Amino acid sequence: MNTLIITAHPSQKNFTNTLAETYAKNSEEQGRQVEILNLYTTDLKQDFLRFENIRDMWNDEVTKKMQQKIDWAEELVFIFPVWWADAPAILKNWIDCNFGAGFAFTYENGKPVGLLRWKTARIFATSGAPGFVYSLFPVNYHILWGSMRLKFCGIKTTSIKVFGKMSNINDTDKQAMIDKEMKKIFG
């Protein structure tokens, strides 16, 4: 299985990157091919989405390379901090830039059809607030990420985990949280 881990945190010394590296290590130990795509450090920078003609929207070289990475992956893993109740703008922009019509979805007889079927996704979010808070919102992460974003493109979400109260947890306990989650996923 090929796994693409997409991270979105401006600091390189944080729980997000530790989680990504641990997930990658566990995946590789199971024989998977893994790539970590850190949106803050990649050479494949994407400006905020702009276009004059929607038909020209997804024709640039960087988008084509990003879509090749998405095509390659059977599993997408999104790891990000929660800012203002959602992922950082850089990650939402990455989705806007790369999950376009004709690549991620199309319309047939007026109905959306996901084109990224046979892919799965996991969501890991970190927050200063308690994790359960994100299940209370009128549009919670299972709806927003699982249905409205990923399922729309044909991707099956296998899990969504929000790690809460991160600013109150020491590094040892954070590692224990990661280890517990990896054990649930990888056995």
Protein backbone atom coordinates (compact mmCIF):
# COMPACT_ATOMS: atom_id res chain seq x y z
CA MET A 1 0.00 0.00 0.00
CA ASN A 2 1.19 3.51 -0.81
CA THR A 3 0.59 6.15 1.86
CA LEU A 4 0.82 9.91 1.41
CA ILE A 5 0.95 11.80 4.71
CA ILE A 6 0.04 15.48 4.35
CA THR A 7 1.09 17.70 7.24
CA ALA A 8 0.31 21.35 7.82
CA HIS A 9 2.17 22.91 10.74
CA PRO A 10 4.67 25.78 10.41
CA SER A 11 6.93 24.46 13.20
CA GLN A 12 9.11 21.45 12.50
CA LYS A 13 9.42 20.55 16.21
CA ASN A 14 5.87 19.72 17.15
CA PHE A 15 3.38 16.95 17.80
CA THR A 16 2.10 17.08 14.19
CA ASN A 17 5.46 16.13 12.72
CA THR A 18 6.20 13.57 15.45
CA LEU A 19 2.85 11.94 14.72
CA ALA A 20 3.57 11.95 10.96
CA GLU A 21 7.01 10.39 11.42
CA THR A 22 5.63 7.74 13.78
CA TYR A 23 2.78 6.89 11.39
CA ALA A 24 5.30 6.64 8.53
CA LYS A 25 7.59 4.35 10.54
CA ASN A 26 4.71 2.03 11.50
CA SER A 27 3.50 1.95 7.89
CA GLU A 28 6.96 1.14 6.54
CA GLU A 29 7.31 -1.67 9.09
CA GLN A 30 4.21 -3.20 7.48
CA GLY A 31 5.82 -3.01 4.04
CA ARG A 32 4.06 0.14 2.84
CA GLN A 33 5.65 2.81 0.69
CA VAL A 34 5.31 6.18 2.45
CA GLU A 35 5.88 9.82 1.59
CA ILE A 36 5.44 12.71 4.00
CA LEU A 37 4.38 15.90 2.26
CA ASN A 38 4.94 18.83 4.61
CA LEU A 39 3.07 21.73 3.05
CA TYR A 40 5.32 24.27 4.79
CA THR A 41 8.63 22.80 3.58
CA THR A 42 7.88 21.22 0.20
CA ASP A 43 9.55 22.64 -2.89
CA LEU A 44 6.18 22.26 -4.63
CA LYS A 45 4.75 25.53 -3.32
CA GLN A 46 1.24 26.50 -4.34
CA ASP A 47 -0.02 30.05 -4.14
CA PHE A 48 -3.54 30.62 -2.95
CA LEU A 49 -5.96 29.52 -5.62
CA ARG A 50 -6.66 32.19 -8.23
CA PHE A 51 -8.04 31.92 -11.72
CA GLU A 52 -9.81 33.94 -14.38
CA ASN A 53 -11.07 30.98 -16.38
CA ILE A 54 -12.10 27.93 -14.35
CA ARG A 55 -11.00 25.66 -17.22
CA ASP A 56 -7.38 26.78 -16.69
CA MET A 57 -7.53 26.22 -12.96
CA TRP A 58 -5.68 22.89 -12.66
CA ASN A 59 -3.20 23.03 -15.54
CA ASP A 60 0.02 24.21 -13.86
CA GLU A 61 3.01 21.91 -13.34
CA VAL A 62 2.95 21.96 -9.53
CA THR A 63 -0.70 20.89 -9.46
CA LYS A 64 0.06 18.08 -11.90
CA LYS A 65 2.90 16.86 -9.63
CA MET A 66 0.67 17.04 -6.56
CA GLN A 67 -2.06 15.12 -8.36
CA GLN A 68 0.50 12.47 -9.30
CA LYS A 69 1.28 12.08 -5.60
CA ILE A 70 -2.44 11.75 -4.82
CA ASP A 71 -2.84 9.22 -7.67
CA TRP A 72 0.10 7.21 -6.31
CA ALA A 73 -1.38 6.99 -2.82
CA GLU A 74 -3.93 4.40 -1.80
CA GLU A 75 -4.13 6.00 1.64
CA LEU A 76 -4.07 9.72 2.43
CA VAL A 77 -3.28 10.77 5.99
CA PHE A 78 -3.98 14.37 6.95
CA ILE A 79 -2.27 15.67 10.10
CA PHE A 80 -2.83 19.27 11.19
CA PRO A 81 -3.48 21.62 14.10
CA VAL A 82 -6.97 23.03 14.53
CA TRP A 83 -6.99 26.79 14.05
CA TRP A 84 -10.27 28.68 14.14
CA ALA A 85 -12.18 25.37 14.21
CA ASP A 86 -10.61 23.87 11.06
CA ALA A 87 -7.35 23.02 9.34
CA PRO A 88 -4.82 25.77 8.59
CA ALA A 89 -5.44 27.75 5.40
CA ILE A 90 -2.42 26.15 3.69
CA LEU A 91 -4.11 22.72 3.87
CA LYS A 92 -7.50 23.96 2.74
CA ASN A 93 -5.76 25.72 -0.15
CA TRP A 94 -3.93 22.47 -1.02
CA ILE A 95 -7.30 20.75 -1.31
CA ASP A 96 -8.69 23.64 -3.39
CA CYS A 97 -5.69 23.54 -5.72
CA ASN A 98 -5.47 19.78 -6.19
CA PHE A 99 -8.90 18.19 -5.73
CA GLY A 100 -10.44 19.77 -8.79
CA ALA A 101 -13.24 18.79 -11.12
CA GLY A 102 -12.15 16.16 -13.60
CA PHE A 103 -9.50 14.85 -11.20
CA ALA A 104 -11.20 14.35 -7.83
CA PHE A 105 -14.84 14.49 -8.89
CA THR A 106 -17.16 15.06 -11.81
CA TYR A 107 -20.87 15.52 -12.33
CA GLU A 108 -23.00 12.96 -14.14
CA ASN A 109 -26.63 13.80 -14.78
CA GLY A 110 -26.29 16.69 -12.33
CA LYS A 111 -25.00 14.51 -9.50
CA PRO A 112 -21.45 14.49 -8.10
CA VAL A 113 -19.35 11.38 -8.67
CA GLY A 114 -16.10 10.89 -6.73
CA LEU A 115 -13.18 9.95 -8.96
CA LEU A 116 -10.77 9.01 -6.17
CA ARG A 117 -12.55 5.78 -5.30
CA TRP A 118 -10.43 2.96 -3.86
CA LYS A 119 -8.57 5.49 -1.69
CA THR A 120 -8.88 5.75 2.05
CA ALA A 121 -8.06 8.60 4.39
CA ARG A 122 -7.28 9.17 8.04
CA ILE A 123 -7.54 12.51 9.79
CA PHE A 124 -5.44 13.47 12.80
CA ALA A 125 -6.02 16.92 14.25
CA THR A 126 -4.48 18.57 17.30
CA SER A 127 -6.11 21.21 19.44
CA GLY A 128 -5.68 23.23 22.59
CA ALA A 129 -9.36 22.61 23.35
CA PRO A 130 -10.66 19.23 24.53
CA GLY A 131 -11.02 16.81 21.60
CA PHE A 132 -14.73 16.13 22.23
CA VAL A 133 -15.52 19.79 21.50
CA TYR A 134 -15.15 19.12 17.76
CA SER A 135 -17.95 16.58 17.81
CA LEU A 136 -20.31 19.22 19.22
CA PHE A 137 -20.12 21.70 16.33
CA PRO A 138 -23.11 21.81 13.98
CA VAL A 139 -20.71 20.69 11.24
CA ASN A 140 -18.32 18.33 13.01
CA TYR A 141 -15.18 16.77 11.52
CA HIS A 142 -16.94 13.54 10.55
CA ILE A 143 -19.31 15.57 8.41
CA LEU A 144 -16.90 18.29 7.23
CA TRP A 145 -13.90 16.07 6.45
CA GLY A 146 -15.46 12.62 6.15
CA SER A 147 -18.50 13.47 4.04
CA MET A 148 -18.29 16.96 2.61
CA ARG A 149 -14.66 16.89 1.48
CA LEU A 150 -13.41 13.34 1.13
CA LYS A 151 -16.51 11.25 0.41
CA PHE A 152 -17.48 13.84 -2.21
CA CYS A 153 -14.28 12.80 -4.01
CA GLY A 154 -14.95 9.09 -3.50
CA ILE A 155 -12.46 8.67 -0.63
CA LYS A 156 -13.48 6.50 2.33
CA THR A 157 -12.50 7.98 5.69
CA THR A 158 -11.33 5.19 7.99
CA SER A 159 -10.77 7.29 11.13
CA ILE A 160 -10.81 10.80 12.52
CA LYS A 161 -8.92 11.50 15.73
CA VAL A 162 -8.71 14.89 17.44
CA PHE A 163 -6.00 15.07 20.09
CA GLY A 164 -7.23 17.69 22.54
CA LYS A 165 -5.72 19.84 25.32
CA MET A 166 -2.31 19.62 23.65
CA SER A 167 -0.91 22.72 25.38
CA ASN A 168 -1.43 21.05 28.78
CA ILE A 169 0.31 17.74 27.97
CA ASN A 170 4.02 17.01 28.46
CA ASP A 171 6.14 15.32 25.78
CA THR A 172 6.12 11.92 27.52
CA ASP A 173 2.33 11.87 27.67
CA LYS A 174 2.11 13.08 24.07
CA GLN A 175 4.29 10.16 22.96
CA ALA A 176 2.08 7.79 24.95
CA MET A 177 -0.96 9.20 23.10
CA ILE A 178 0.74 8.56 19.77
CA ASP A 179 1.77 5.04 20.78
CA LYS A 180 -1.79 4.21 21.90
CA GLU A 181 -3.24 5.47 18.60
CA MET A 182 -0.64 3.58 16.52
CA LYS A 183 -1.43 0.38 18.43
CA LYS A 184 -5.13 0.79 17.56
CA ILE A 185 -4.28 1.24 13.88
CA PHE A 186 -1.35 -1.11 13.34
CA GLY A 187 -1.86 -3.64 16.14
